[in-house]
Amino acid sequence: MRVRKISALAVIVAAAGLSLTACGGNDGSGAAAQSGTSASASSSTGGQGTTGASSGSSGDTSGGTGTGTAGSTGTGTGTGTGSGASGGTGKKAAARSGTAVSGAMCKTEHLGFSAAPAGVENEIVVNLKNTGSATCRMHGFPGVQLLGADGLGDRGPDAARTDTTAPAVTIAPGEETRFLLHYIPDTSGSGKTYTKLAVTPPNETVFDVMNLDGLKITVPATAGNAPDVYVDPIGYHTGTGK
């Protein structure tokens, strides 16, 4: 009888063990299911990353960027920005603004040239008037060549630069700036007389032929070791103006 009781008890314990195992299996299946659900949800979150990338693609069309990633852990991020359209408008606006900005370098075609006595012997003032519709600026030395009555067919010496410091000059429409031209006169009686100038403004490649308005420059016909004509930078002041 003792043997039977022990065997019955063993059967009861084994049955209890099987029951516990079954319960544990159910819990594991639930955890796996729950884990699967979480992973699925996380994957959906990762899907938002894909949406972000798509939004980024739209952003790309407008000059934006977008990224989307979904990791193995089931997480995902997505960002998308687009500002290309407004950026393009900004560039166009800047370009338009650039064409309208005043203060560009003065062009020969927008300048009027005239000459006047400097009030000092052997010096002439050359005036440059802004005849354009926008403010412009100049800085540096002009190029100057003496011309005879026949213009370019009767060329004389080029003016050498002095050591004067060049100021920055801004000229509004209708305003003038000027420079001084110095020359060493002929004393031999056999010099050459010039009544015109070829003037090239600073930072320009186009010159203008101007009359000296009744003034004359007579220098030796043959140049010596030093130039006979010298030019100061733009920005000489006399009375009002620049």
C-alpha atoms as a PDB file:
ATOM      1  CA  MET A   1       0.000   0.000   0.000  1.00  0.00           C
ATOM      2  CA  ARG A   2       2.881   2.426   0.748  1.00  0.00           C
ATOM      3  CA  VAL A   3       4.219   1.922  -2.742  1.00  0.00           C
ATOM      4  CA  ARG A   4       0.927   2.803  -4.299  1.00  0.00           C
ATOM      5  CA  LYS A   5       0.607   5.987  -2.185  1.00  0.00           C
ATOM      6  CA  ILE A   6       4.058   7.171  -3.277  1.00  0.00           C
ATOM      7  CA  SER A   7       3.275   6.441  -6.887  1.00  0.00           C
ATOM      8  CA  ALA A   8       0.005   8.335  -6.659  1.00  0.00           C
ATOM      9  CA  LEU A   9       1.799  11.283  -5.069  1.00  0.00           C
ATOM     10  CA  ALA A  10       4.371  11.222  -7.854  1.00  0.00           C
ATOM     11  CA  VAL A  11       1.601  11.252 -10.413  1.00  0.00           C
ATOM     12  CA  ILE A  12      -0.002  14.242  -8.699  1.00  0.00           C
ATOM     13  CA  VAL A  13       3.346  16.128  -8.603  1.00  0.00           C
ATOM     14  CA  ALA A  14       4.014  15.301 -12.259  1.00  0.00           C
ATOM     15  CA  ALA A  15       0.553  16.460 -13.209  1.00  0.00           C
ATOM     16  CA  ALA A  16       1.070  19.688 -11.311  1.00  0.00           C
ATOM     17  CA  GLY A  17       4.385  20.136 -13.130  1.00  0.00           C
ATOM     18  CA  LEU A  18       2.712  19.651 -16.472  1.00  0.00           C
ATOM     19  CA  SER A  19       0.059  22.174 -15.553  1.00  0.00           C
ATOM     20  CA  LEU A  20       2.680  24.732 -14.558  1.00  0.00           C
ATOM     21  CA  THR A  21       4.549  24.086 -17.785  1.00  0.00           C
ATOM     22  CA  ALA A  22       1.391  24.614 -19.763  1.00  0.00           C
ATOM     23  CA  CYS A  23       0.732  27.875 -17.951  1.00  0.00           C
ATOM     24  CA  GLY A  24       4.295  28.973 -18.583  1.00  0.00           C
ATOM     25  CA  GLY A  25       3.903  28.151 -22.283  1.00  0.00           C
ATOM     26  CA  ASN A  26       0.803  30.253 -22.472  1.00  0.00           C
ATOM     27  CA  ASP A  27       2.596  33.196 -20.841  1.00  0.00           C
ATOM     28  CA  GLY A  28       5.486  32.830 -23.289  1.00  0.00           C
ATOM     29  CA  SER A  29       3.143  32.805 -26.231  1.00  0.00           C
ATOM     30  CA  GLY A  30       1.459  35.930 -24.888  1.00  0.00           C
ATOM     31  CA  ALA A  31       4.824  37.636 -24.435  1.00  0.00           C
ATOM     32  CA  ALA A  32       5.826  36.671 -27.950  1.00  0.00           C
ATOM     33  CA  ALA A  33       2.552  37.940 -29.281  1.00  0.00           C
ATOM     34  CA  GLN A  34       2.921  41.127 -27.288  1.00  0.00           C
ATOM     35  CA  SER A  35       6.497  41.483 -28.501  1.00  0.00           C
ATOM     36  CA  GLY A  36       5.322  40.913 -32.073  1.00  0.00           C
ATOM     37  CA  THR A  37       2.645  43.552 -31.626  1.00  0.00           C
ATOM     38  CA  SER A  38       5.217  45.997 -30.241  1.00  0.00           C
ATOM     39  CA  ALA A  39       7.568  45.264 -33.099  1.00  0.00           C
ATOM     40  CA  SER A  40       4.740  45.742 -35.529  1.00  0.00           C
ATOM     41  CA  ALA A  41       3.842  49.049 -33.900  1.00  0.00           C
ATOM     42  CA  SER A  42       7.463  50.094 -33.921  1.00  0.00           C
ATOM     43  CA  SER A  43       7.641  49.120 -37.547  1.00  0.00           C
ATOM     44  CA  SER A  44       4.693  51.412 -38.148  1.00  0.00           C
ATOM     45  CA  THR A  45       6.650  54.130 -36.433  1.00  0.00           C
ATOM     46  CA  GLY A  46       9.458  53.274 -38.802  1.00  0.00           C
ATOM     47  CA  GLY A  47       6.941  53.698 -41.548  1.00  0.00           C
ATOM     48  CA  GLN A  48       6.615  57.295 -40.420  1.00  0.00           C
ATOM     49  CA  GLY A  49      10.288  57.580 -41.232  1.00  0.00           C
ATOM     50  CA  THR A  50       9.384  56.476 -44.741  1.00  0.00           C
ATOM     51  CA  THR A  51       6.722  59.176 -44.772  1.00  0.00           C
ATOM     52  CA  GLY A  52       9.376  61.623 -43.642  1.00  0.00           C
ATOM     53  CA  ALA A  53      11.572  60.575 -46.540  1.00  0.00           C
ATOM     54  CA  SER A  54       8.682  61.037 -48.898  1.00  0.00           C
ATOM     55  CA  SER A  55       8.117  64.480 -47.445  1.00  0.00           C
ATOM     56  CA  GLY A  56      11.803  65.045 -47.889  1.00  0.00           C
ATOM     57  CA  SER A  57      11.431  64.104 -51.519  1.00  0.00           C
ATOM     58  CA  SER A  58       8.860  66.834 -51.870  1.00  0.00           C
ATOM     59  CA  GLY A  59      11.287  69.035 -50.066  1.00  0.00           C
ATOM     60  CA  ASP A  60      13.940  68.048 -52.609  1.00  0.00           C
ATOM     61  CA  THR A  61      11.736  69.287 -55.408  1.00  0.00           C
ATOM     62  CA  SER A  62      11.777  72.604 -53.629  1.00  0.00           C
ATOM     63  CA  GLY A  63      15.396  72.388 -52.580  1.00  0.00           C
ATOM     64  CA  GLY A  64      14.813  70.571 -49.242  1.00  0.00           C
ATOM     65  CA  THR A  65      16.107  67.319 -47.767  1.00  0.00           C
ATOM     66  CA  GLY A  66      14.454  64.271 -46.177  1.00  0.00           C
ATOM     67  CA  THR A  67      15.619  61.128 -44.396  1.00  0.00           C
ATOM     68  CA  GLY A  68      13.824  58.032 -43.074  1.00  0.00           C
ATOM     69  CA  THR A  69      15.242  54.963 -41.356  1.00  0.00           C
ATOM     70  CA  ALA A  70      13.676  51.911 -39.731  1.00  0.00           C
ATOM     71  CA  GLY A  71      16.051  49.915 -37.565  1.00  0.00           C
ATOM     72  CA  SER A  72      15.867  46.269 -36.544  1.00  0.00           C
ATOM     73  CA  THR A  73      14.563  47.359 -33.144  1.00  0.00           C
ATOM     74  CA  GLY A  74      11.441  48.619 -34.831  1.00  0.00           C
ATOM     75  CA  THR A  75      12.136  52.332 -34.408  1.00  0.00           C
ATOM     76  CA  GLY A  76      12.034  54.829 -37.230  1.00  0.00           C
ATOM     77  CA  THR A  77      12.601  58.538 -37.727  1.00  0.00           C
ATOM     78  CA  GLY A  78      11.680  60.738 -40.635  1.00  0.00           C
ATOM     79  CA  THR A  79      12.226  64.387 -41.384  1.00  0.00           C
ATOM     80  CA  GLY A  80      11.445  66.394 -44.447  1.00  0.00           C
ATOM     81  CA  THR A  81      11.930  70.059 -45.170  1.00  0.00           C
ATOM     82  CA  GLY A  82      11.334  72.002 -48.338  1.00  0.00           C
ATOM     83  CA  SER A  83      12.272  75.597 -48.991  1.00  0.00           C
ATOM     84  CA  GLY A  84      13.582  75.487 -52.553  1.00  0.00           C
ATOM     85  CA  ALA A  85      10.731  77.494 -53.990  1.00  0.00           C
ATOM     86  CA  SER A  86      11.239  80.386 -51.620  1.00  0.00           C
ATOM     87  CA  GLY A  87      15.019  79.932 -51.957  1.00  0.00           C
ATOM     88  CA  GLY A  88      14.778  80.270 -55.731  1.00  0.00           C
ATOM     89  CA  THR A  89      12.642  83.370 -55.326  1.00  0.00           C
ATOM     90  CA  GLY A  90      15.287  84.768 -53.001  1.00  0.00           C
ATOM     91  CA  LYS A  91      17.990  84.223 -55.611  1.00  0.00           C
ATOM     92  CA  LYS A  92      15.935  85.902 -58.297  1.00  0.00           C
ATOM     93  CA  ALA A  93      15.217  88.797 -55.990  1.00  0.00           C
ATOM     94  CA  ALA A  94      18.916  89.127 -55.189  1.00  0.00           C
ATOM     95  CA  ALA A  95      19.764  89.085 -58.875  1.00  0.00           C
ATOM     96  CA  ARG A  96      17.215  91.782 -59.597  1.00  0.00           C
ATOM     97  CA  SER A  97      18.480  93.777 -56.648  1.00  0.00           C
ATOM     98  CA  GLY A  98      22.065  93.391 -57.899  1.00  0.00           C
ATOM     99  CA  THR A  99      21.230  94.957 -61.249  1.00  0.00           C
ATOM    100  CA  ALA A 100      19.632  97.931 -59.526  1.00  0.00           C
ATOM    101  CA  VAL A 101      22.303  98.587 -56.911  1.00  0.00           C
ATOM    102  CA  SER A 102      23.837 102.040 -57.317  1.00  0.00           C
ATOM    103  CA  GLY A 103      27.512 102.690 -56.725  1.00  0.00           C
ATOM    104  CA  ALA A 104      28.881 100.557 -59.578  1.00  0.00           C
ATOM    105  CA  MET A 105      32.096 101.654 -61.245  1.00  0.00           C
ATOM    106  CA  CYS A 106      31.610 104.665 -63.514  1.00  0.00           C
ATOM    107  CA  LYS A 107      31.534 103.846 -67.207  1.00  0.00           C
ATOM    108  CA  THR A 108      32.972 106.047 -69.942  1.00  0.00           C
ATOM    109  CA  GLU A 109      29.632 106.135 -71.745  1.00  0.00           C
ATOM    110  CA  HIS A 110      27.987 107.706 -68.689  1.00  0.00           C
ATOM    111  CA  LEU A 111      30.549 110.455 -68.218  1.00  0.00           C
ATOM    112  CA  GLY A 112      30.888 113.925 -69.722  1.00  0.00           C
ATOM    113  CA  PHE A 113      34.404 115.387 -70.053  1.00  0.00           C
ATOM    114  CA  SER A 114      35.482 119.024 -69.989  1.00  0.00           C
ATOM    115  CA  ALA A 115      38.644 121.011 -69.238  1.00  0.00           C
ATOM    116  CA  ALA A 116      39.269 124.225 -67.304  1.00  0.00           C
ATOM    117  CA  PRO A 117      42.292 126.239 -66.145  1.00  0.00           C
ATOM    118  CA  ALA A 118      43.601 125.116 -62.767  1.00  0.00           C
ATOM    119  CA  GLY A 119      44.649 128.614 -61.728  1.00  0.00           C
ATOM    120  CA  VAL A 120      48.239 127.370 -61.543  1.00  0.00           C
ATOM    121  CA  GLU A 121      50.700 127.635 -64.394  1.00  0.00           C
ATOM    122  CA  ASN A 122      51.157 124.489 -66.483  1.00  0.00           C
ATOM    123  CA  GLU A 123      48.209 122.682 -64.910  1.00  0.00           C
ATOM    124  CA  ILE A 124      44.785 121.838 -66.309  1.00  0.00           C
ATOM    125  CA  VAL A 125      41.703 120.550 -64.505  1.00  0.00           C
ATOM    126  CA  VAL A 126      39.768 117.806 -66.265  1.00  0.00           C
ATOM    127  CA  ASN A 127      36.150 117.439 -65.099  1.00  0.00           C
ATOM    128  CA  LEU A 128      34.189 114.198 -65.292  1.00  0.00           C
ATOM    129  CA  LYS A 129      30.435 114.580 -64.906  1.00  0.00           C
ATOM    130  CA  ASN A 130      28.071 111.713 -64.169  1.00  0.00           C
ATOM    131  CA  THR A 131      25.548 111.916 -67.010  1.00  0.00           C
ATOM    132  CA  GLY A 132      23.923 108.597 -66.100  1.00  0.00           C
ATOM    133  CA  SER A 133      20.810 107.947 -64.004  1.00  0.00           C
ATOM    134  CA  ALA A 134      22.524 106.120 -61.120  1.00  0.00           C
ATOM    135  CA  THR A 135      25.242 106.916 -58.624  1.00  0.00           C
ATOM    136  CA  CYS A 136      28.647 105.538 -59.601  1.00  0.00           C
ATOM    137  CA  ARG A 137      32.104 105.470 -58.106  1.00  0.00           C
ATOM    138  CA  MET A 138      35.725 105.808 -59.152  1.00  0.00           C
ATOM    139  CA  HIS A 139      39.045 105.083 -57.521  1.00  0.00           C
ATOM    140  CA  GLY A 140      42.497 105.425 -58.997  1.00  0.00           C
ATOM    141  CA  PHE A 141      44.275 107.120 -61.859  1.00  0.00           C
ATOM    142  CA  PRO A 142      42.836 107.847 -65.288  1.00  0.00           C
ATOM    143  CA  GLY A 143      44.742 107.048 -68.435  1.00  0.00           C
ATOM    144  CA  VAL A 144      45.599 110.212 -70.366  1.00  0.00           C
ATOM    145  CA  GLN A 145      47.257 110.694 -73.754  1.00  0.00           C
ATOM    146  CA  LEU A 146      47.830 114.003 -75.502  1.00  0.00           C
ATOM    147  CA  LEU A 147      46.257 114.384 -78.937  1.00  0.00           C
ATOM    148  CA  GLY A 148      46.809 117.005 -81.631  1.00  0.00           C
ATOM    149  CA  ALA A 149      44.246 118.745 -83.782  1.00  0.00           C
ATOM    150  CA  ASP A 150      43.813 115.594 -85.888  1.00  0.00           C
ATOM    151  CA  GLY A 151      42.841 113.530 -82.890  1.00  0.00           C
ATOM    152  CA  LEU A 152      43.969 109.916 -82.907  1.00  0.00           C
ATOM    153  CA  GLY A 153      45.990 110.580 -86.044  1.00  0.00           C
ATOM    154  CA  ASP A 154      48.228 112.952 -84.087  1.00  0.00           C
ATOM    155  CA  ARG A 155      49.151 111.257 -80.844  1.00  0.00           C
ATOM    156  CA  GLY A 156      51.470 112.653 -78.238  1.00  0.00           C
ATOM    157  CA  PRO A 157      52.947 111.275 -74.992  1.00  0.00           C
ATOM    158  CA  ASP A 158      51.046 109.375 -72.326  1.00  0.00           C
ATOM    159  CA  ALA A 159      50.784 111.002 -68.903  1.00  0.00           C
ATOM    160  CA  ALA A 160      52.774 109.390 -66.097  1.00  0.00           C
ATOM    161  CA  ARG A 161      51.221 108.951 -62.656  1.00  0.00           C
ATOM    162  CA  THR A 162      52.245 111.075 -59.709  1.00  0.00           C
ATOM    163  CA  ASP A 163      52.748 109.616 -56.240  1.00  0.00           C
ATOM    164  CA  THR A 164      49.514 111.174 -54.935  1.00  0.00           C
ATOM    165  CA  THR A 165      47.246 108.848 -52.919  1.00  0.00           C
ATOM    166  CA  ALA A 166      44.028 108.019 -54.725  1.00  0.00           C
ATOM    167  CA  PRO A 167      40.799 108.692 -52.774  1.00  0.00           C
ATOM    168  CA  ALA A 168      37.555 106.795 -53.277  1.00  0.00           C
ATOM    169  CA  VAL A 169      35.009 108.965 -55.068  1.00  0.00           C
ATOM    170  CA  THR A 170      31.230 108.547 -55.343  1.00  0.00           C
ATOM    171  CA  ILE A 171      29.355 110.629 -57.899  1.00  0.00           C
ATOM    172  CA  ALA A 172      25.589 111.079 -57.948  1.00  0.00           C
ATOM    173  CA  PRO A 173      23.805 111.812 -61.241  1.00  0.00           C
ATOM    174  CA  GLY A 174      24.647 115.359 -62.355  1.00  0.00           C
ATOM    175  CA  GLU A 175      27.666 115.656 -60.037  1.00  0.00           C
ATOM    176  CA  GLU A 176      31.294 115.996 -61.086  1.00  0.00           C
ATOM    177  CA  THR A 177      34.683 114.814 -60.000  1.00  0.00           C
ATOM    178  CA  ARG A 178      37.993 115.874 -61.515  1.00  0.00           C
ATOM    179  CA  PHE A 179      41.710 115.334 -61.782  1.00  0.00           C
ATOM    180  CA  LEU A 180      44.759 117.527 -62.365  1.00  0.00           C
ATOM    181  CA  LEU A 181      47.022 117.257 -65.375  1.00  0.00           C
ATOM    182  CA  HIS A 182      50.528 118.702 -65.002  1.00  0.00           C
ATOM    183  CA  TYR A 183      52.973 119.287 -67.840  1.00  0.00           C
ATOM    184  CA  ILE A 184      56.482 120.610 -68.352  1.00  0.00           C
ATOM    185  CA  PRO A 185      56.235 123.288 -71.041  1.00  0.00           C
ATOM    186  CA  ASP A 186      58.541 123.499 -74.015  1.00  0.00           C
ATOM    187  CA  THR A 187      61.146 126.257 -73.730  1.00  0.00           C
ATOM    188  CA  SER A 188      63.039 125.577 -76.952  1.00  0.00           C
ATOM    189  CA  GLY A 189      60.468 127.101 -79.262  1.00  0.00           C
ATOM    190  CA  SER A 190      60.262 123.892 -81.276  1.00  0.00           C
ATOM    191  CA  GLY A 191      57.796 121.989 -79.116  1.00  0.00           C
ATOM    192  CA  LYS A 192      54.600 120.227 -80.111  1.00  0.00           C
ATOM    193  CA  THR A 193      51.168 121.660 -79.236  1.00  0.00           C
ATOM    194  CA  TYR A 194      48.209 119.452 -78.307  1.00  0.00           C
ATOM    195  CA  THR A 195      44.578 120.531 -78.023  1.00  0.00           C
ATOM    196  CA  LYS A 196      42.822 117.264 -77.187  1.00  0.00           C
ATOM    197  CA  LEU A 197      43.056 114.416 -74.702  1.00  0.00           C
ATOM    198  CA  ALA A 198      42.203 110.732 -74.831  1.00  0.00           C
ATOM    199  CA  VAL A 199      40.922 109.974 -71.304  1.00  0.00           C
ATOM    200  CA  THR A 200      40.250 106.504 -69.914  1.00  0.00           C
ATOM    201  CA  PRO A 201      38.519 106.497 -66.481  1.00  0.00           C
ATOM    202  CA  PRO A 202      39.941 104.236 -63.742  1.00  0.00           C
ATOM    203  CA  ASN A 203      39.024 100.540 -64.114  1.00  0.00           C
ATOM    204  CA  GLU A 204      37.779 101.144 -67.650  1.00  0.00           C
ATOM    205  CA  THR A 205      39.090 100.034 -71.031  1.00  0.00           C
ATOM    206  CA  VAL A 206      37.182 102.541 -73.174  1.00  0.00           C
ATOM    207  CA  PHE A 207      38.532 106.071 -73.644  1.00  0.00           C
ATOM    208  CA  ASP A 208      36.852 109.288 -74.682  1.00  0.00           C
ATOM    209  CA  VAL A 209      38.426 111.947 -76.907  1.00  0.00           C
ATOM    210  CA  MET A 210      37.806 115.391 -75.445  1.00  0.00           C
ATOM    211  CA  ASN A 211      38.710 118.912 -76.478  1.00  0.00           C
ATOM    212  CA  LEU A 212      40.710 121.140 -74.162  1.00  0.00           C
ATOM    213  CA  ASP A 213      38.100 123.878 -74.717  1.00  0.00           C
ATOM    214  CA  GLY A 214      40.519 126.469 -76.069  1.00  0.00           C
ATOM    215  CA  LEU A 215      43.411 125.430 -73.820  1.00  0.00           C
ATOM    216  CA  LYS A 216      46.701 124.175 -75.247  1.00  0.00           C
ATOM    217  CA  ILE A 217      49.501 122.023 -73.985  1.00  0.00           C
ATOM    218  CA  THR A 218      52.904 122.593 -75.590  1.00  0.00           C
ATOM    219  CA  VAL A 219      55.640 120.167 -74.606  1.00  0.00           C
ATOM    220  CA  PRO A 220      59.012 119.280 -76.147  1.00  0.00           C
ATOM    221  CA  ALA A 221      58.624 117.431 -79.430  1.00  0.00           C
ATOM    222  CA  THR A 222      61.014 114.712 -78.286  1.00  0.00           C
ATOM    223  CA  ALA A 223      60.703 113.136 -74.867  1.00  0.00           C
ATOM    224  CA  GLY A 224      63.688 113.227 -72.540  1.00  0.00           C
ATOM    225  CA  ASN A 225      64.585 110.883 -69.710  1.00  0.00           C
ATOM    226  CA  ALA A 226      61.462 111.903 -67.760  1.00  0.00           C
ATOM    227  CA  PRO A 227      57.879 112.257 -69.021  1.00  0.00           C
ATOM    228  CA  ASP A 228      56.683 115.775 -69.796  1.00  0.00           C
ATOM    229  CA  VAL A 229      53.081 115.131 -68.652  1.00  0.00           C
ATOM    230  CA  TYR A 230      51.843 113.867 -65.266  1.00  0.00           C
ATOM    231  CA  VAL A 231      48.382 112.981 -63.987  1.00  0.00           C
ATOM    232  CA  ASP A 232      46.939 112.964 -60.451  1.00  0.00           C
ATOM    233  CA  PRO A 233      44.285 110.450 -59.364  1.00  0.00           C
ATOM    234  CA  ILE A 234      40.578 111.107 -59.634  1.00  0.00           C
ATOM    235  CA  GLY A 235      39.199 113.168 -56.743  1.00  0.00           C
ATOM    236  CA  TYR A 236      40.786 116.625 -57.027  1.00  0.00           C
ATOM    237  CA  HIS A 237      38.592 119.166 -55.229  1.00  0.00           C
ATOM    238  CA  THR A 238      37.983 122.676 -56.413  1.00  0.00           C
ATOM    239  CA  GLY A 239      35.002 124.635 -55.112  1.00  0.00           C
ATOM    240  CA  THR A 240      31.879 122.439 -54.810  1.00  0.00           C
ATOM    241  CA  GLY A 241      31.530 118.887 -56.024  1.00  0.00           C
ATOM    242  CA  LYS A 242      33.513 115.718 -55.506  1.00  0.00           C
END
